[in-house]
């Protein structure tokens, strides 16, 4: 389960597949469907930074503990920054650790890939004015009988029903940062150097980043409104947004933050 990802400038869609547009599709998933929870076994689920926040908060864990217990780091599409994957059980079935007898135990906080399915999403890196920025495709697996159900959806209805809008918004901010990482901004230090480790902490270990912000008095180095400082101090999403802006400022000199005069 994953998004199709970033489209090239030519918007080359996957072979034999066309975006749904305004067309309707049929799908429903519930305990009465024969294949219920089969999609939660032996599957690769990419976790984005916002996914980590929602899951670790649901589980009542610090982000570092969540990363250690439930994730693995692999090489992905970005050659200069690792990809985070949800760790499946080390059994023959390879089931998701959050699947229980009645289904998903973290359903309201499930990752982007899970709540997007049966759709796959692709984002145009350089959208043409007047054309869509994002495209959705139907994903079909031979074991899935959800497509045989009577319920019909448009893409907009599915996004609203699955509460995907906030996830997509945060994931687009992450895409901007991941695109920056793809330019290899690590100043020749190579993989797992200090800058890359710092970036990994900002993106995935939000509680570790919160500690870092306090220890380094980082907020005091920039012009921020009281409202912004208050939100960052208590809200993980606001802190992640600040972290993304800080990485753009730190690694590429982008004017995403205004430093205070000393």
Protein backbone atom coordinates (compact mmCIF):
# COMPACT_ATOMS: atom_id res chain seq x y z
CA UNK A 1 0.00 0.00 0.00
CA UNK A 2 1.49 3.31 -1.05
CA UNK A 3 0.78 6.39 -3.05
CA UNK A 4 1.87 6.29 -6.67
CA UNK A 5 3.92 9.32 -5.76
CA UNK A 6 5.19 12.31 -7.71
CA UNK A 7 4.37 12.54 -11.41
CA UNK A 8 6.99 13.66 -13.89
CA UNK A 9 6.50 16.87 -15.82
CA UNK A 10 4.95 14.82 -18.63
CA UNK A 11 2.40 13.35 -16.18
CA UNK A 12 3.02 9.79 -17.30
CA UNK A 13 0.32 7.72 -15.68
CA UNK A 14 0.89 4.04 -14.82
CA UNK A 15 0.60 1.81 -17.88
CA UNK A 16 -2.99 0.89 -18.70
CA UNK A 17 -4.47 3.10 -15.98
CA UNK A 18 -6.39 6.34 -16.20
CA UNK A 19 -7.25 8.73 -13.36
CA UNK A 20 -10.76 8.47 -12.01
CA UNK A 21 -11.61 12.14 -12.28
CA UNK A 22 -15.31 12.55 -11.43
CA UNK A 23 -16.19 8.93 -12.21
CA UNK A 24 -17.74 6.78 -9.48
CA UNK A 25 -16.30 3.54 -8.14
CA UNK A 26 -17.78 0.75 -6.02
CA UNK A 27 -16.18 -0.28 -2.76
CA UNK A 28 -16.95 -1.17 0.84
CA UNK A 29 -14.92 -2.85 3.56
CA UNK A 30 -16.50 -4.37 6.67
CA UNK A 31 -16.46 -7.56 8.70
CA UNK A 32 -19.05 -9.13 6.41
CA UNK A 33 -16.73 -9.03 3.39
CA UNK A 34 -15.00 -12.36 2.84
CA UNK A 35 -11.51 -10.87 2.61
CA UNK A 36 -11.80 -8.70 5.76
CA UNK A 37 -8.27 -7.80 7.08
CA UNK A 38 -6.49 -9.76 4.32
CA UNK A 39 -5.06 -6.46 3.09
CA UNK A 40 -3.40 -6.09 6.52
CA UNK A 41 -1.07 -9.06 5.96
CA UNK A 42 2.26 -9.26 4.17
CA UNK A 43 1.99 -5.67 3.01
CA UNK A 44 4.45 -2.81 2.72
CA UNK A 45 3.02 0.30 4.37
CA UNK A 46 5.01 3.51 4.07
CA UNK A 47 4.63 5.87 7.02
CA UNK A 48 4.77 9.61 6.51
CA UNK A 49 5.64 12.06 9.31
CA UNK A 50 1.99 12.88 10.05
CA UNK A 51 1.19 9.16 10.24
CA UNK A 52 3.78 8.76 12.99
CA UNK A 53 2.24 11.61 14.99
CA UNK A 54 -1.31 10.27 14.81
CA UNK A 55 -0.28 6.69 15.58
CA UNK A 56 2.07 7.41 18.48
CA UNK A 57 -0.53 9.69 20.07
CA UNK A 58 -3.21 7.02 19.70
CA UNK A 59 -0.92 4.48 21.38
CA UNK A 60 0.21 6.89 24.10
CA UNK A 61 3.87 6.49 23.17
CA UNK A 62 6.71 8.91 22.72
CA UNK A 63 7.68 9.03 19.06
CA UNK A 64 11.12 7.50 19.73
CA UNK A 65 9.52 4.51 21.44
CA UNK A 66 7.00 4.15 18.60
CA UNK A 67 9.80 4.19 16.01
CA UNK A 68 11.76 1.53 17.89
CA UNK A 69 8.79 -0.78 18.37
CA UNK A 70 6.84 -0.44 15.15
CA UNK A 71 8.97 0.82 12.26
CA UNK A 72 11.88 -0.06 10.05
CA UNK A 73 14.05 2.13 7.83
CA UNK A 74 14.61 1.11 4.21
CA UNK A 75 15.89 2.58 0.99
CA UNK A 76 13.06 4.10 -1.03
CA UNK A 77 12.48 6.30 -4.06
CA UNK A 78 14.57 9.13 -2.60
CA UNK A 79 18.24 8.12 -2.97
CA UNK A 80 19.36 10.65 -0.35
CA UNK A 81 16.89 10.02 2.48
CA UNK A 82 15.51 6.80 3.96
CA UNK A 83 11.89 5.64 3.85
CA UNK A 84 10.02 4.65 7.01
CA UNK A 85 7.94 1.46 6.93
CA UNK A 86 5.46 -0.02 9.38
CA UNK A 87 6.92 -3.20 10.86
CA UNK A 88 4.78 -6.31 10.36
CA UNK A 89 4.76 -9.26 12.75
CA UNK A 90 7.67 -11.64 12.16
CA UNK A 91 5.41 -14.60 11.44
CA UNK A 92 4.38 -16.48 8.32
CA UNK A 93 1.22 -14.35 8.06
CA UNK A 94 3.14 -11.11 8.56
CA UNK A 95 0.09 -9.40 10.01
CA UNK A 96 -0.05 -5.71 10.92
CA UNK A 97 0.58 -5.26 14.66
CA UNK A 98 -2.61 -3.22 14.96
CA UNK A 99 -5.03 -5.86 13.67
CA UNK A 100 -7.25 -7.47 16.30
CA UNK A 101 -10.08 -9.96 16.23
CA UNK A 102 -12.56 -7.24 15.28
CA UNK A 103 -10.34 -5.53 12.71
CA UNK A 104 -8.08 -2.50 12.96
CA UNK A 105 -7.50 -1.42 16.57
CA UNK A 106 -6.23 2.04 15.53
CA UNK A 107 -8.82 2.61 12.81
CA UNK A 108 -9.46 6.30 13.51
CA UNK A 109 -5.71 6.94 13.39
CA UNK A 110 -4.68 4.47 10.68
CA UNK A 111 -1.93 5.54 8.25
CA UNK A 112 -2.47 7.41 5.00
CA UNK A 113 -2.04 4.32 2.83
CA UNK A 114 -4.72 2.40 4.73
CA UNK A 115 -7.31 5.16 4.64
CA UNK A 116 -6.64 5.97 0.96
CA UNK A 117 -7.19 2.37 -0.26
CA UNK A 118 -8.71 1.34 -2.69
CA UNK A 119 -7.43 4.54 -4.25
CA UNK A 120 -3.87 5.43 -5.10
CA UNK A 121 -2.81 9.06 -5.28
CA UNK A 122 -0.31 10.79 -7.54
CA UNK A 123 0.74 14.43 -7.26
CA UNK A 124 2.05 16.56 -10.13
CA UNK A 125 5.36 18.11 -9.11
CA UNK A 126 4.84 21.10 -11.44
CA UNK A 127 1.09 21.39 -12.07
CA UNK A 128 -0.08 23.34 -15.10
CA UNK A 129 -2.40 26.24 -14.19
CA UNK A 130 -5.98 25.14 -14.60
CA UNK A 131 -5.13 21.43 -14.42
CA UNK A 132 -5.45 19.16 -11.35
CA UNK A 133 -2.51 18.89 -8.97
CA UNK A 134 -3.49 15.43 -7.78
CA UNK A 135 -4.86 12.35 -9.52
CA UNK A 136 -6.52 9.24 -8.13
CA UNK A 137 -6.49 5.71 -9.51
CA UNK A 138 -8.26 2.52 -8.46
CA UNK A 139 -6.01 -0.14 -6.90
CA UNK A 140 -7.19 -3.72 -7.39
CA UNK A 141 -5.90 -6.86 -5.71
CA UNK A 142 -7.12 -10.33 -6.58
CA UNK A 143 -8.02 -11.16 -2.97
CA UNK A 144 -10.11 -8.01 -2.40
CA UNK A 145 -13.90 -8.45 -2.61
CA UNK A 146 -14.61 -4.92 -1.49
CA UNK A 147 -14.95 -3.93 -5.14
CA UNK A 148 -17.95 -6.27 -5.43
CA UNK A 149 -19.99 -4.34 -2.87
CA UNK A 150 -22.88 -2.09 -3.91
CA UNK A 151 -21.72 1.15 -2.26
CA UNK A 152 -20.67 3.82 -4.80
CA UNK A 153 -18.34 6.75 -4.25
CA UNK A 154 -16.80 9.68 -6.03
CA UNK A 155 -13.21 10.55 -5.14
CA UNK A 156 -14.36 13.63 -3.24
CA UNK A 157 -16.86 11.59 -1.25
CA UNK A 158 -14.19 9.01 -0.38
CA UNK A 159 -11.68 11.63 0.72
CA UNK A 160 -14.26 13.24 2.97
CA UNK A 161 -15.53 9.96 4.41
CA UNK A 162 -12.04 8.68 5.19
CA UNK A 163 -10.94 12.04 6.67
CA UNK A 164 -8.08 12.22 4.20
CA UNK A 165 -8.01 15.96 3.59
CA UNK A 166 -5.89 16.80 6.64
CA UNK A 167 -3.58 13.85 5.91
CA UNK A 168 -3.13 14.92 2.29
CA UNK A 169 -2.45 18.51 3.33
CA UNK A 170 0.30 17.46 5.75
CA UNK A 171 1.70 14.94 3.26
CA UNK A 172 2.00 17.64 0.61
CA UNK A 173 4.11 19.69 3.02
CA UNK A 174 6.22 16.57 3.55
CA UNK A 175 6.55 16.12 -0.23
CA UNK A 176 8.12 19.58 -0.47
CA UNK A 177 10.68 18.63 2.19
CA UNK A 178 11.33 15.21 0.65
CA UNK A 179 11.90 16.91 -2.72
CA UNK A 180 14.50 19.12 -1.03
CA UNK A 181 16.16 16.02 0.43
CA UNK A 182 16.31 14.61 -3.10
CA UNK A 183 18.74 17.39 -4.05
CA UNK A 184 21.30 15.88 -1.62
CA UNK A 185 21.62 18.94 0.65
CA UNK A 186 23.82 17.16 3.19
CA UNK A 187 26.96 19.14 2.31
CA UNK A 188 29.01 16.08 1.41
CA UNK A 189 28.62 14.37 4.77
CA UNK A 190 26.90 11.33 3.20
CA UNK A 191 24.17 9.08 4.53
CA UNK A 192 23.47 9.11 8.28
CA UNK A 193 25.64 12.16 8.84
CA UNK A 194 24.73 14.76 11.50
CA UNK A 195 22.51 16.85 9.22
CA UNK A 196 20.60 13.84 7.91
CA UNK A 197 20.11 12.51 11.43
CA UNK A 198 18.83 15.93 12.47
CA UNK A 199 16.39 15.96 9.54
CA UNK A 200 15.20 12.45 10.38
CA UNK A 201 14.51 13.53 13.96
CA UNK A 202 12.53 16.58 12.82
CA UNK A 203 10.40 14.55 10.41
CA UNK A 204 9.78 11.38 12.39
CA UNK A 205 10.79 11.77 16.04
CA UNK A 206 8.59 14.73 16.93
CA UNK A 207 9.02 14.30 20.69
CA UNK A 208 12.79 14.22 20.25
CA UNK A 209 12.53 17.38 18.15
CA UNK A 210 10.43 19.05 20.85
CA UNK A 211 13.22 18.34 23.35
CA UNK A 212 15.77 19.72 20.88
CA UNK A 213 13.74 22.90 20.34
CA UNK A 214 13.66 23.52 24.08
CA UNK A 215 17.34 22.75 24.67
CA UNK A 216 18.51 24.91 21.75
CA UNK A 217 16.01 27.72 22.47
CA UNK A 218 15.19 27.40 18.78
CA UNK A 219 11.91 29.31 18.80
CA UNK A 220 13.63 32.36 20.23
CA UNK A 221 15.89 32.54 17.19
CA UNK A 222 13.04 33.42 14.85
CA UNK A 223 10.28 36.00 14.60
CA UNK A 224 7.14 34.10 15.54
CA UNK A 225 3.80 35.38 16.76
CA UNK A 226 2.69 34.51 20.28
CA UNK A 227 -0.10 32.44 18.77
CA UNK A 228 2.39 30.48 16.67
CA UNK A 229 4.70 29.90 19.63
CA UNK A 230 1.76 28.75 21.73
CA UNK A 231 0.60 26.29 19.08
CA UNK A 232 4.10 24.90 18.55
CA UNK A 233 4.55 24.46 22.30
CA UNK A 234 1.52 22.19 22.71
CA UNK A 235 0.57 20.78 19.30
CA UNK A 236 2.60 18.15 17.41
CA UNK A 237 1.19 19.15 14.03
CA UNK A 238 2.16 22.79 14.53
CA UNK A 239 5.63 21.69 15.65
CA UNK A 240 6.01 19.51 12.55
CA UNK A 241 5.04 22.42 10.31
CA UNK A 242 7.66 24.58 12.05
CA UNK A 243 10.19 21.77 11.66
CA UNK A 244 9.54 21.57 7.92
CA UNK A 245 10.01 25.34 7.59
CA UNK A 246 13.19 25.18 9.66
CA UNK A 247 14.68 22.43 7.49
CA UNK A 248 13.99 24.44 4.34
CA UNK A 249 15.66 27.45 5.98
CA UNK A 250 18.59 25.45 7.36
CA UNK A 251 19.36 23.24 4.37
CA UNK A 252 18.45 25.46 1.43
CA UNK A 253 18.33 29.01 2.77
CA UNK A 254 14.66 29.33 1.84
CA UNK A 255 12.90 32.37 3.42
CA UNK A 256 10.45 30.20 5.34
CA UNK A 257 11.44 31.75 8.69
CA UNK A 258 12.63 35.21 9.68
CA UNK A 259 15.57 35.24 12.11
CA UNK A 260 15.61 37.68 14.99
CA UNK A 261 18.26 40.35 14.93
CA UNK A 262 20.98 39.84 17.50
